[in-house]
Amino acid sequence: MLQLEPEQPVASVRFVAAEYVAMMKIPLRGRPFTQAEVVDVDAHAAIVNETMARRDSPDADPIGGTIAIVRAA
């Protein structure tokens, strides 16, 4: 079983259709995924929630920023 450090953040990754955000009526500050981003696995697009944005970019606008995704061993 993976043991995490107490302060190590954990995020869940979900793959969804381009229409998911609109269908679920989720408000966004940025924009939803395009169909091209959904189809292209190398598009490198992500939607993060406010909690992650505040924690990882407290003094910066996260829109247009980058995140690192590291797979657990």
C-alpha atoms as a PDB file:
ATOM      1  CA  MET A   1       0.000   0.000   0.000  1.00  0.00           C
ATOM      2  CA  LEU A   2       1.245   3.482  -0.902  1.00  0.00           C
ATOM      3  CA  GLN A   3       2.225   5.541   2.139  1.00  0.00           C
ATOM      4  CA  LEU A   4       1.926   9.303   1.627  1.00  0.00           C
ATOM      5  CA  GLU A   5       3.724  12.012   3.514  1.00  0.00           C
ATOM      6  CA  PRO A   6       1.244  14.086   5.571  1.00  0.00           C
ATOM      7  CA  GLU A   7       1.695  17.217   3.420  1.00  0.00           C
ATOM      8  CA  GLN A   8       1.912  15.466   0.053  1.00  0.00           C
ATOM      9  CA  PRO A   9      -1.115  16.524  -2.045  1.00  0.00           C
ATOM     10  CA  VAL A  10      -3.198  13.890  -3.760  1.00  0.00           C
ATOM     11  CA  ALA A  11      -5.371  14.444  -6.807  1.00  0.00           C
ATOM     12  CA  SER A  12      -7.741  12.214  -8.700  1.00  0.00           C
ATOM     13  CA  VAL A  13      -7.587  12.030 -12.474  1.00  0.00           C
ATOM     14  CA  ARG A  14     -10.775  11.526 -14.448  1.00  0.00           C
ATOM     15  CA  PHE A  15     -11.200  11.271 -18.197  1.00  0.00           C
ATOM     16  CA  VAL A  16     -14.448  12.792 -19.467  1.00  0.00           C
ATOM     17  CA  ALA A  17     -16.211  13.729 -22.685  1.00  0.00           C
ATOM     18  CA  ALA A  18     -15.862  17.300 -23.983  1.00  0.00           C
ATOM     19  CA  GLU A  19     -19.503  17.977 -23.065  1.00  0.00           C
ATOM     20  CA  TYR A  20     -19.154  16.804 -19.439  1.00  0.00           C
ATOM     21  CA  VAL A  21     -18.653  20.230 -17.831  1.00  0.00           C
ATOM     22  CA  ALA A  22     -21.645  21.789 -19.616  1.00  0.00           C
ATOM     23  CA  MET A  23     -23.844  18.742 -19.048  1.00  0.00           C
ATOM     24  CA  MET A  24     -23.098  18.757 -15.298  1.00  0.00           C
ATOM     25  CA  LYS A  25     -23.502  22.579 -15.182  1.00  0.00           C
ATOM     26  CA  ILE A  26     -20.113  23.020 -13.531  1.00  0.00           C
ATOM     27  CA  PRO A  27     -19.121  26.716 -13.403  1.00  0.00           C
ATOM     28  CA  LEU A  28     -15.652  27.443 -14.804  1.00  0.00           C
ATOM     29  CA  ARG A  29     -13.359  30.446 -14.612  1.00  0.00           C
ATOM     30  CA  GLY A  30     -11.526  29.271 -17.707  1.00  0.00           C
ATOM     31  CA  ARG A  31     -12.959  27.305 -20.585  1.00  0.00           C
ATOM     32  CA  PRO A  32     -14.210  23.749 -21.032  1.00  0.00           C
ATOM     33  CA  PHE A  33     -12.265  21.110 -22.960  1.00  0.00           C
ATOM     34  CA  THR A  34     -12.459  21.220 -26.727  1.00  0.00           C
ATOM     35  CA  GLN A  35     -13.306  18.038 -28.614  1.00  0.00           C
ATOM     36  CA  ALA A  36      -9.735  18.029 -29.987  1.00  0.00           C
ATOM     37  CA  GLU A  37      -8.327  18.013 -26.437  1.00  0.00           C
ATOM     38  CA  VAL A  38     -10.537  15.079 -25.497  1.00  0.00           C
ATOM     39  CA  VAL A  39      -9.529  13.040 -28.561  1.00  0.00           C
ATOM     40  CA  ASP A  40      -5.786  13.877 -28.479  1.00  0.00           C
ATOM     41  CA  VAL A  41      -4.133  12.168 -25.498  1.00  0.00           C
ATOM     42  CA  ASP A  42      -1.138  14.485 -25.931  1.00  0.00           C
ATOM     43  CA  ALA A  43      -3.221  17.694 -25.747  1.00  0.00           C
ATOM     44  CA  HIS A  44      -2.161  18.305 -22.124  1.00  0.00           C
ATOM     45  CA  ALA A  45      -5.291  20.088 -20.941  1.00  0.00           C
ATOM     46  CA  ALA A  46      -6.632  19.941 -17.390  1.00  0.00           C
ATOM     47  CA  ILE A  47      -9.356  21.418 -15.238  1.00  0.00           C
ATOM     48  CA  VAL A  48      -8.469  21.896 -11.575  1.00  0.00           C
ATOM     49  CA  ASN A  49     -10.798  22.775  -8.725  1.00  0.00           C
ATOM     50  CA  GLU A  50     -10.586  25.922  -6.600  1.00  0.00           C
ATOM     51  CA  THR A  51      -8.986  24.053  -3.685  1.00  0.00           C
ATOM     52  CA  MET A  52      -6.052  22.903  -5.816  1.00  0.00           C
ATOM     53  CA  ALA A  53      -5.735  26.309  -7.480  1.00  0.00           C
ATOM     54  CA  ARG A  54      -5.569  28.106  -4.114  1.00  0.00           C
ATOM     55  CA  ARG A  55      -3.149  25.566  -2.628  1.00  0.00           C
ATOM     56  CA  ASP A  56      -0.734  25.363  -5.561  1.00  0.00           C
ATOM     57  CA  SER A  57      -0.999  28.912  -6.944  1.00  0.00           C
ATOM     58  CA  PRO A  58      -2.028  31.130  -4.011  1.00  0.00           C
ATOM     59  CA  ASP A  59      -0.510  34.287  -5.526  1.00  0.00           C
ATOM     60  CA  ALA A  60      -1.013  33.565  -9.224  1.00  0.00           C
ATOM     61  CA  ASP A  61      -3.812  32.935 -11.671  1.00  0.00           C
ATOM     62  CA  PRO A  62      -3.741  29.188 -12.429  1.00  0.00           C
ATOM     63  CA  ILE A  63      -5.345  29.645 -15.859  1.00  0.00           C
ATOM     64  CA  GLY A  64      -2.666  28.974 -18.444  1.00  0.00           C
ATOM     65  CA  GLY A  65      -0.327  27.546 -15.817  1.00  0.00           C
ATOM     66  CA  THR A  66       1.258  24.123 -15.721  1.00  0.00           C
ATOM     67  CA  ILE A  67       0.998  21.162 -13.362  1.00  0.00           C
ATOM     68  CA  ALA A  68       3.140  18.081 -12.997  1.00  0.00           C
ATOM     69  CA  ILE A  69       1.476  14.690 -12.888  1.00  0.00           C
ATOM     70  CA  VAL A  70       3.588  11.998 -11.290  1.00  0.00           C
ATOM     71  CA  ARG A  71       2.364   8.433 -11.176  1.00  0.00           C
ATOM     72  CA  ALA A  72       2.714   6.625  -7.875  1.00  0.00           C
ATOM     73  CA  ALA A  73       5.124   3.705  -7.931  1.00  0.00           C
END
